[in-house]
PDB file of N, CA and C in Angstrom:
ATOM      1  N   MET A   1     -21.801 -11.620  -9.302  1.00  0.00           N
ATOM      2  CA  MET A   1     -20.685 -11.921  -8.446  1.00  0.00           C
ATOM      3  C   MET A   1     -19.711 -10.739  -8.352  1.00  0.00           C
ATOM      4  N   CYS A   2     -19.507 -10.043  -9.453  1.00  0.00           N
ATOM      5  CA  CYS A   2     -18.675  -8.836  -9.401  1.00  0.00           C
ATOM      6  C   CYS A   2     -19.316  -7.771 -10.274  1.00  0.00           C
ATOM      7  N   SER A   3     -19.010  -6.531  -9.986  1.00  0.00           N
ATOM      8  CA  SER A   3     -19.598  -5.430 -10.749  1.00  0.00           C
ATOM      9  C   SER A   3     -18.882  -5.303 -12.092  1.00  0.00           C
ATOM     10  N   LEU A   4     -19.296  -4.327 -12.859  1.00  0.00           N
ATOM     11  CA  LEU A   4     -18.718  -4.143 -14.189  1.00  0.00           C
ATOM     12  C   LEU A   4     -17.331  -3.521 -14.149  1.00  0.00           C
ATOM     13  N   GLU A   5     -16.932  -2.997 -13.014  1.00  0.00           N
ATOM     14  CA  GLU A   5     -15.615  -2.384 -12.904  1.00  0.00           C
ATOM     15  C   GLU A   5     -14.552  -3.472 -12.804  1.00  0.00           C
ATOM     16  N   PRO A   6     -13.526  -3.426 -13.666  1.00  0.00           N
ATOM     17  CA  PRO A   6     -12.516  -4.491 -13.647  1.00  0.00           C
ATOM     18  C   PRO A   6     -11.675  -4.511 -12.368  1.00  0.00           C
ATOM     19  N   ILE A   7     -11.580  -3.373 -11.673  1.00  0.00           N
ATOM     20  CA  ILE A   7     -10.779  -3.358 -10.448  1.00  0.00           C
ATOM     21  C   ILE A   7     -11.424  -4.207  -9.358  1.00  0.00           C
ATOM     22  N   ASN A   8     -12.752  -4.351  -9.401  1.00  0.00           N
ATOM     23  CA  ASN A   8     -13.440  -5.190  -8.428  1.00  0.00           C
ATOM     24  C   ASN A   8     -13.533  -6.636  -8.885  1.00  0.00           C
ATOM     25  N   CYS A   9     -13.480  -6.856 -10.186  1.00  0.00           N
ATOM     26  CA  CYS A   9     -13.704  -8.190 -10.723  1.00  0.00           C
ATOM     27  C   CYS A   9     -12.460  -9.075 -10.581  1.00  0.00           C
ATOM     28  N   PHE A  10     -11.268  -8.499 -10.686  1.00  0.00           N
ATOM     29  CA  PHE A  10     -10.050  -9.308 -10.622  1.00  0.00           C
ATOM     30  C   PHE A  10      -9.879 -10.028  -9.286  1.00  0.00           C
ATOM     31  N   PRO A  11     -10.040  -9.354  -8.136  1.00  0.00           N
ATOM     32  CA  PRO A  11      -9.919 -10.095  -6.872  1.00  0.00           C
ATOM     33  C   PRO A  11     -10.947 -11.207  -6.722  1.00  0.00           C
ATOM     34  N   VAL A  12     -12.146 -10.991  -7.231  1.00  0.00           N
ATOM     35  CA  VAL A  12     -13.171 -12.035  -7.156  1.00  0.00           C
ATOM     36  C   VAL A  12     -12.762 -13.223  -8.012  1.00  0.00           C
ATOM     37  N   LEU A  13     -12.244 -12.966  -9.203  1.00  0.00           N
ATOM     38  CA  LEU A  13     -11.785 -14.037 -10.084  1.00  0.00           C
ATOM     39  C   LEU A  13     -10.638 -14.824  -9.448  1.00  0.00           C
ATOM     40  N   VAL A  14      -9.679 -14.131  -8.863  1.00  0.00           N
ATOM     41  CA  VAL A  14      -8.557 -14.807  -8.193  1.00  0.00           C
ATOM     42  C   VAL A  14      -9.062 -15.633  -7.020  1.00  0.00           C
ATOM     43  N   ASN A  15     -10.040 -15.122  -6.293  1.00  0.00           N
ATOM     44  CA  ASN A  15     -10.608 -15.857  -5.168  1.00  0.00           C
ATOM     45  C   ASN A  15     -11.294 -17.136  -5.643  1.00  0.00           C
ATOM     46  N   ILE A  16     -12.068 -17.039  -6.710  1.00  0.00           N
ATOM     47  CA  ILE A  16     -12.749 -18.222  -7.241  1.00  0.00           C
ATOM     48  C   ILE A  16     -11.741 -19.265  -7.697  1.00  0.00           C
ATOM     49  N   LEU A  17     -10.715 -18.833  -8.433  1.00  0.00           N
ATOM     50  CA  LEU A  17      -9.696 -19.778  -8.907  1.00  0.00           C
ATOM     51  C   LEU A  17      -8.921 -20.401  -7.747  1.00  0.00           C
ATOM     52  N   SER A  18      -8.557 -19.587  -6.767  1.00  0.00           N
ATOM     53  CA  SER A  18      -7.804 -20.107  -5.622  1.00  0.00           C
ATOM     54  C   SER A  18      -8.614 -21.132  -4.839  1.00  0.00           C
ATOM     55  N   ASN A  19      -9.881 -20.829  -4.600  1.00  0.00           N
ATOM     56  CA  ASN A  19     -10.728 -21.776  -3.872  1.00  0.00           C
ATOM     57  C   ASN A  19     -10.957 -23.050  -4.675  1.00  0.00           C
ATOM     58  N   THR A  20     -11.019 -22.932  -6.004  1.00  0.00           N
ATOM     59  CA  THR A  20     -11.154 -24.121  -6.845  1.00  0.00           C
ATOM     60  C   THR A  20      -9.921 -25.008  -6.726  1.00  0.00           C
ATOM     61  N   PHE A  21      -8.738 -24.402  -6.772  1.00  0.00           N
ATOM     62  CA  PHE A  21      -7.505 -25.184  -6.624  1.00  0.00           C
ATOM     63  C   PHE A  21      -7.400 -25.805  -5.233  1.00  0.00           C
ATOM     64  N   LEU A  22      -7.864 -25.096  -4.219  1.00  0.00           N
ATOM     65  CA  LEU A  22      -7.851 -25.663  -2.865  1.00  0.00           C
ATOM     66  C   LEU A  22      -8.778 -26.876  -2.780  1.00  0.00           C
ATOM     67  N   ARG A  23      -9.946 -26.788  -3.402  1.00  0.00           N
ATOM     68  CA  ARG A  23     -10.869 -27.933  -3.396  1.00  0.00           C
ATOM     69  C   ARG A  23     -10.299 -29.122  -4.160  1.00  0.00           C
ATOM     70  N   LEU A  24      -9.583 -28.839  -5.254  1.00  0.00           N
ATOM     71  CA  LEU A  24      -8.982 -29.920  -6.038  1.00  0.00           C
ATOM     72  C   LEU A  24      -7.929 -30.688  -5.244  1.00  0.00           C
ATOM     73  N   HIS A  25      -7.285 -30.003  -4.317  1.00  0.00           N
ATOM     74  CA  HIS A  25      -6.258 -30.637  -3.484  1.00  0.00           C
ATOM     75  C   HIS A  25      -6.818 -31.099  -2.138  1.00  0.00           C
ATOM     76  N   ASN A  26      -8.124 -31.233  -2.052  1.00  0.00           N
ATOM     77  CA  ASN A  26      -8.823 -31.736  -0.860  1.00  0.00           C
ATOM     78  C   ASN A  26      -8.518 -30.933   0.397  1.00  0.00           C
ATOM     79  N   SER A  27      -8.429 -29.641   0.243  1.00  0.00           N
ATOM     80  CA  SER A  27      -8.193 -28.775   1.397  1.00  0.00           C
ATOM     81  C   SER A  27      -9.529 -28.326   1.969  1.00  0.00           C
ATOM     82  N   THR A  28      -9.579 -28.169   3.277  1.00  0.00           N
ATOM     83  CA  THR A  28     -10.792 -27.677   3.930  1.00  0.00           C
ATOM     84  C   THR A  28     -10.756 -26.160   4.116  1.00  0.00           C
ATOM     85  N   GLU A  29      -9.627 -25.539   3.835  1.00  0.00           N
ATOM     86  CA  GLU A  29      -9.490 -24.088   3.990  1.00  0.00           C
ATOM     87  C   GLU A  29     -10.097 -23.373   2.792  1.00  0.00           C
ATOM     88  N   ARG A  30     -10.537 -22.126   3.015  1.00  0.00           N
ATOM     89  CA  ARG A  30     -11.096 -21.301   1.955  1.00  0.00           C
ATOM     90  C   ARG A  30     -10.530 -19.884   2.080  1.00  0.00           C
ATOM     91  N   LEU A  31     -10.429 -19.195   0.963  1.00  0.00           N
ATOM     92  CA  LEU A  31     -10.006 -17.806   0.946  1.00  0.00           C
ATOM     93  C   LEU A  31     -11.233 -16.915   0.844  1.00  0.00           C
ATOM     94  N   ARG A  32     -11.171 -15.751   1.493  1.00  0.00           N
ATOM     95  CA  ARG A  32     -12.276 -14.802   1.452  1.00  0.00           C
ATOM     96  C   ARG A  32     -11.773 -13.468   0.932  1.00  0.00           C
ATOM     97  N   VAL A  33     -12.623 -12.749   0.224  1.00  0.00           N
ATOM     98  CA  VAL A  33     -12.292 -11.432  -0.325  1.00  0.00           C
ATOM     99  C   VAL A  33     -13.277 -10.422   0.228  1.00  0.00           C
ATOM    100  N   TRP A  34     -12.763  -9.262   0.659  1.00  0.00           N
ATOM    101  CA  TRP A  34     -13.608  -8.172   1.152  1.00  0.00           C
ATOM    102  C   TRP A  34     -13.517  -7.017   0.190  1.00  0.00           C
ATOM    103  N   SER A  35     -14.545  -6.222   0.138  1.00  0.00           N
ATOM    104  CA  SER A  35     -14.551  -5.058  -0.744  1.00  0.00           C
ATOM    105  C   SER A  35     -14.072  -3.798  -0.040  1.00  0.00           C
ATOM    106  N   GLN A  36     -13.655  -3.901   1.208  1.00  0.00           N
ATOM    107  CA  GLN A  36     -13.130  -2.758   1.942  1.00  0.00           C
ATOM    108  C   GLN A  36     -11.624  -2.719   1.788  1.00  0.00           C
ATOM    109  N   LEU A  37     -11.038  -1.530   2.011  1.00  0.00           N
ATOM    110  CA  LEU A  37      -9.597  -1.395   1.914  1.00  0.00           C
ATOM    111  C   LEU A  37      -8.900  -2.248   2.961  1.00  0.00           C
ATOM    112  N   PHE A  38      -9.333  -2.149   4.207  1.00  0.00           N
ATOM    113  CA  PHE A  38      -8.818  -2.983   5.287  1.00  0.00           C
ATOM    114  C   PHE A  38     -10.013  -3.608   5.987  1.00  0.00           C
ATOM    115  N   TYR A  39     -10.018  -4.904   6.109  1.00  0.00           N
ATOM    116  CA  TYR A  39     -11.105  -5.553   6.830  1.00  0.00           C
ATOM    117  C   TYR A  39     -10.813  -5.465   8.320  1.00  0.00           C
ATOM    118  N   THR A  40     -11.662  -4.770   9.043  1.00  0.00           N
ATOM    119  CA  THR A  40     -11.433  -4.588  10.471  1.00  0.00           C
ATOM    120  C   THR A  40     -12.387  -5.423  11.300  1.00  0.00           C
ATOM    121  N   GLY A  41     -13.459  -5.899  10.710  1.00  0.00           N
ATOM    122  CA  GLY A  41     -14.420  -6.698  11.460  1.00  0.00           C
ATOM    123  C   GLY A  41     -15.097  -5.898  12.552  1.00  0.00           C
ATOM    124  N   GLY A  42     -15.229  -4.602  12.344  1.00  0.00           N
ATOM    125  CA  GLY A  42     -15.873  -3.759  13.339  1.00  0.00           C
ATOM    126  C   GLY A  42     -14.937  -3.342  14.463  1.00  0.00           C
ATOM    127  N   ASN A  43     -13.643  -3.592  14.308  1.00  0.00           N
ATOM    128  CA  ASN A  43     -12.675  -3.255  15.336  1.00  0.00           C
ATOM    129  C   ASN A  43     -12.093  -1.875  15.030  1.00  0.00           C
ATOM    130  N   GLY A  44     -12.553  -0.850  15.728  1.00  0.00           N
ATOM    131  CA  GLY A  44     -12.057   0.504  15.524  1.00  0.00           C
ATOM    132  C   GLY A  44     -10.636   0.686  16.004  1.00  0.00           C
ATOM    133  N   GLU A  45     -10.207  -0.128  16.964  1.00  0.00           N
ATOM    134  CA  GLU A  45      -8.848  -0.020  17.487  1.00  0.00           C
ATOM    135  C   GLU A  45      -7.827  -0.372  16.409  1.00  0.00           C
ATOM    136  N   LEU A  46      -8.116  -1.376  15.593  1.00  0.00           N
ATOM    137  CA  LEU A  46      -7.210  -1.761  14.521  1.00  0.00           C
ATOM    138  C   LEU A  46      -7.110  -0.651  13.477  1.00  0.00           C
ATOM    139  N   THR A  47      -8.221  -0.008  13.171  1.00  0.00           N
ATOM    140  CA  THR A  47      -8.211   1.095  12.217  1.00  0.00           C
ATOM    141  C   THR A  47      -7.347   2.236  12.739  1.00  0.00           C
ATOM    142  N   ASN A  48      -7.474   2.574  14.009  1.00  0.00           N
ATOM    143  CA  ASN A  48      -6.643   3.626  14.596  1.00  0.00           C
ATOM    144  C   ASN A  48      -5.175   3.240  14.584  1.00  0.00           C
ATOM    145  N   TYR A  49      -4.876   1.983  14.858  1.00  0.00           N
ATOM    146  CA  TYR A  49      -3.493   1.519  14.861  1.00  0.00           C
ATOM    147  C   TYR A  49      -2.874   1.659  13.468  1.00  0.00           C
ATOM    148  N   ILE A  50      -3.621   1.270  12.445  1.00  0.00           N
ATOM    149  CA  ILE A  50      -3.117   1.378  11.074  1.00  0.00           C
ATOM    150  C   ILE A  50      -2.939   2.835  10.689  1.00  0.00           C
ATOM    151  N   PHE A  51      -3.909   3.680  11.019  1.00  0.00           N
ATOM    152  CA  PHE A  51      -3.823   5.091  10.671  1.00  0.00           C
ATOM    153  C   PHE A  51      -2.616   5.757  11.329  1.00  0.00           C
ATOM    154  N   PHE A  52      -2.440   5.566  12.630  1.00  0.00           N
ATOM    155  CA  PHE A  52      -1.341   6.223  13.323  1.00  0.00           C
ATOM    156  C   PHE A  52       0.007   5.629  12.926  1.00  0.00           C
ATOM    157  N   GLY A  53       0.037   4.352  12.574  1.00  0.00           N
ATOM    158  CA  GLY A  53       1.277   3.753  12.077  1.00  0.00           C
ATOM    159  C   GLY A  53       1.691   4.371  10.753  1.00  0.00           C
ATOM    160  N   LEU A  54       0.748   4.506   9.832  1.00  0.00           N
ATOM    161  CA  LEU A  54       1.055   5.126   8.548  1.00  0.00           C
ATOM    162  C   LEU A  54       1.373   6.608   8.704  1.00  0.00           C
ATOM    163  N   PHE A  55       0.658   7.277   9.604  1.00  0.00           N
ATOM    164  CA  PHE A  55       0.921   8.697   9.842  1.00  0.00           C
ATOM    165  C   PHE A  55       2.335   8.903  10.379  1.00  0.00           C
ATOM    166  N   THR A  56       2.761   8.056  11.314  1.00  0.00           N
ATOM    167  CA  THR A  56       4.104   8.155  11.868  1.00  0.00           C
ATOM    168  C   THR A  56       5.148   7.896  10.793  1.00  0.00           C
ATOM    169  N   TYR A  57       4.914   6.892   9.960  1.00  0.00           N
ATOM    170  CA  TYR A  57       5.850   6.588   8.880  1.00  0.00           C
ATOM    171  C   TYR A  57       5.997   7.771   7.931  1.00  0.00           C
ATOM    172  N   LEU A  58       4.871   8.384   7.538  1.00  0.00           N
ATOM    173  CA  LEU A  58       4.934   9.533   6.635  1.00  0.00           C
ATOM    174  C   LEU A  58       5.595  10.733   7.295  1.00  0.00           C
ATOM    175  N   LEU A  59       5.398  10.896   8.591  1.00  0.00           N
ATOM    176  CA  LEU A  59       6.022  11.999   9.312  1.00  0.00           C
ATOM    177  C   LEU A  59       7.547  11.849   9.318  1.00  0.00           C
ATOM    178  N   VAL A  60       8.033  10.651   9.565  1.00  0.00           N
ATOM    179  CA  VAL A  60       9.474  10.395   9.546  1.00  0.00           C
ATOM    180  C   VAL A  60      10.020  10.578   8.139  1.00  0.00           C
ATOM    181  N   LEU A  61       9.288  10.111   7.143  1.00  0.00           N
ATOM    182  CA  LEU A  61       9.713  10.268   5.761  1.00  0.00           C
ATOM    183  C   LEU A  61       9.792  11.736   5.373  1.00  0.00           C
ATOM    184  N   ALA A  62       8.797  12.521   5.769  1.00  0.00           N
ATOM    185  CA  ALA A  62       8.779  13.946   5.450  1.00  0.00           C
ATOM    186  C   ALA A  62       9.914  14.681   6.159  1.00  0.00           C
ATOM    187  N   ALA A  63      10.279  14.224   7.332  1.00  0.00           N
ATOM    188  CA  ALA A  63      11.383  14.872   8.053  1.00  0.00           C
ATOM    189  C   ALA A  63      12.727  14.539   7.431  1.00  0.00           C
ATOM    190  N   GLY A  64      12.827  13.415   6.723  1.00  0.00           N
ATOM    191  CA  GLY A  64      14.105  13.013   6.138  1.00  0.00           C
ATOM    192  C   GLY A  64      14.351  13.525   4.735  1.00  0.00           C
ATOM    193  N   LEU A  65      13.323  14.033   4.054  1.00  0.00           N
ATOM    194  CA  LEU A  65      13.504  14.476   2.677  1.00  0.00           C
ATOM    195  C   LEU A  65      14.208  15.824   2.510  1.00  0.00           C
ATOM    196  N   PRO A  66      13.924  16.851   3.289  1.00  0.00           N
ATOM    197  CA  PRO A  66      14.583  18.146   3.065  1.00  0.00           C
ATOM    198  C   PRO A  66      16.112  18.103   3.119  1.00  0.00           C
ATOM    199  N   PRO A  67      16.739  17.313   3.995  1.00  0.00           N
ATOM    200  CA  PRO A  67      18.201  17.270   3.949  1.00  0.00           C
ATOM    201  C   PRO A  67      18.746  16.752   2.617  1.00  0.00           C
ATOM    202  N   LEU A  68      18.029  15.918   1.921  1.00  0.00           N
ATOM    203  CA  LEU A  68      18.495  15.440   0.623  1.00  0.00           C
ATOM    204  C   LEU A  68      18.597  16.582  -0.378  1.00  0.00           C
ATOM    205  N   PHE A  69      17.623  17.480  -0.364  1.00  0.00           N
ATOM    206  CA  PHE A  69      17.677  18.627  -1.261  1.00  0.00           C
ATOM    207  C   PHE A  69      18.780  19.598  -0.836  1.00  0.00           C
ATOM    208  N   ALA A  70      18.983  19.756   0.456  1.00  0.00           N
ATOM    209  CA  ALA A  70      20.023  20.653   0.948  1.00  0.00           C
ATOM    210  C   ALA A  70      21.398  20.133   0.584  1.00  0.00           C
ATOM    211  N   ILE A  71      21.625  18.835   0.673  1.00  0.00           N
ATOM    212  CA  ILE A  71      22.931  18.257   0.330  1.00  0.00           C
ATOM    213  C   ILE A  71      23.230  18.500  -1.138  1.00  0.00           C
ATOM    214  N   SER A  72      22.231  18.359  -1.991  1.00  0.00           N
ATOM    215  CA  SER A  72      22.413  18.603  -3.415  1.00  0.00           C
ATOM    216  C   SER A  72      22.807  20.057  -3.660  1.00  0.00           C
ATOM    217  N   SER A  73      22.175  20.983  -2.975  1.00  0.00           N
ATOM    218  CA  SER A  73      22.495  22.400  -3.152  1.00  0.00           C
ATOM    219  C   SER A  73      23.893  22.722  -2.656  1.00  0.00           C
ATOM    220  N   VAL A  74      24.302  22.122  -1.551  1.00  0.00           N
ATOM    221  CA  VAL A  74      25.636  22.357  -1.006  1.00  0.00           C
ATOM    222  C   VAL A  74      26.699  21.821  -1.960  1.00  0.00           C
ATOM    223  N   GLU A  75      26.463  20.642  -2.533  1.00  0.00           N
ATOM    224  CA  GLU A  75      27.410  20.076  -3.495  1.00  0.00           C
ATOM    225  C   GLU A  75      27.526  20.979  -4.727  1.00  0.00           C
ATOM    226  N   ASP A  76      26.405  21.520  -5.197  1.00  0.00           N
ATOM    227  CA  ASP A  76      26.436  22.441  -6.336  1.00  0.00           C
ATOM    228  C   ASP A  76      27.224  23.702  -5.995  1.00  0.00           C
ATOM    229  N   TYR A  77      27.066  24.183  -4.768  1.00  0.00           N
ATOM    230  CA  TYR A  77      27.784  25.384  -4.335  1.00  0.00           C
ATOM    231  C   TYR A  77      29.290  25.119  -4.259  1.00  0.00           C
ATOM    232  N   LYS A  78      29.696  23.920  -3.782  1.00  0.00           N
ATOM    233  CA  LYS A  78      31.116  23.593  -3.642  1.00  0.00           C
ATOM    234  C   LYS A  78      31.813  23.548  -5.000  1.00  0.00           C
ATOM    235  N   VAL A  79      31.151  23.010  -5.998  1.00  0.00           N
ATOM    236  CA  VAL A  79      31.781  22.902  -7.322  1.00  0.00           C
ATOM    237  C   VAL A  79      31.466  24.115  -8.190  1.00  0.00           C
ATOM    238  N   LYS A  80      30.768  25.081  -7.624  1.00  0.00           N
ATOM    239  CA  LYS A  80      30.408  26.338  -8.278  1.00  0.00           C
ATOM    240  C   LYS A  80      29.675  26.105  -9.603  1.00  0.00           C
ATOM    241  N   SER A  81      28.732  25.190  -9.574  1.00  0.00           N
ATOM    242  CA  SER A  81      27.944  24.901 -10.777  1.00  0.00           C
ATOM    243  C   SER A  81      26.760  25.871 -10.858  1.00  0.00           C
ATOM    244  N   THR A  82      26.411  26.224 -12.074  1.00  0.00           N
ATOM    245  CA  THR A  82      25.261  27.097 -12.297  1.00  0.00           C
ATOM    246  C   THR A  82      24.391  26.502 -13.376  1.00  0.00           C
ATOM    247  N   SER A  83      23.155  26.918 -13.389  1.00  0.00           N
ATOM    248  CA  SER A  83      22.227  26.467 -14.413  1.00  0.00           C
ATOM    249  C   SER A  83      21.643  27.690 -15.085  1.00  0.00           C
ATOM    250  N   TRP A  84      21.991  27.886 -16.328  1.00  0.00           N
ATOM    251  CA  TRP A  84      21.512  29.053 -17.063  1.00  0.00           C
ATOM    252  C   TRP A  84      20.437  28.648 -18.060  1.00  0.00           C
ATOM    253  N   GLY A  85      19.943  27.369 -17.960  1.00  0.00           N
ATOM    254  CA  GLY A  85      18.888  26.775 -18.732  1.00  0.00           C
ATOM    255  C   GLY A  85      18.356  27.497 -19.843  1.00  0.00           C
TER     256      GLY A  85
END
């Protein structure tokens, strides 16, 4: 049911337990687990959407980080602090 790697075994165990609890409560729904990072069902458009969404997020994040370092340097310059470590 699961390989010897514990990273793959935990989701399978949670799936088995969850489906058992659902059956105990007379539910007709079931949970499914996939071994892929994102289940696309063969839909390449969804994969592209996720990739470009994450790429855009990282691009905005990367553009916002350098001013944080610059502000720190400017504050150090204003108070004339030095590091002689």
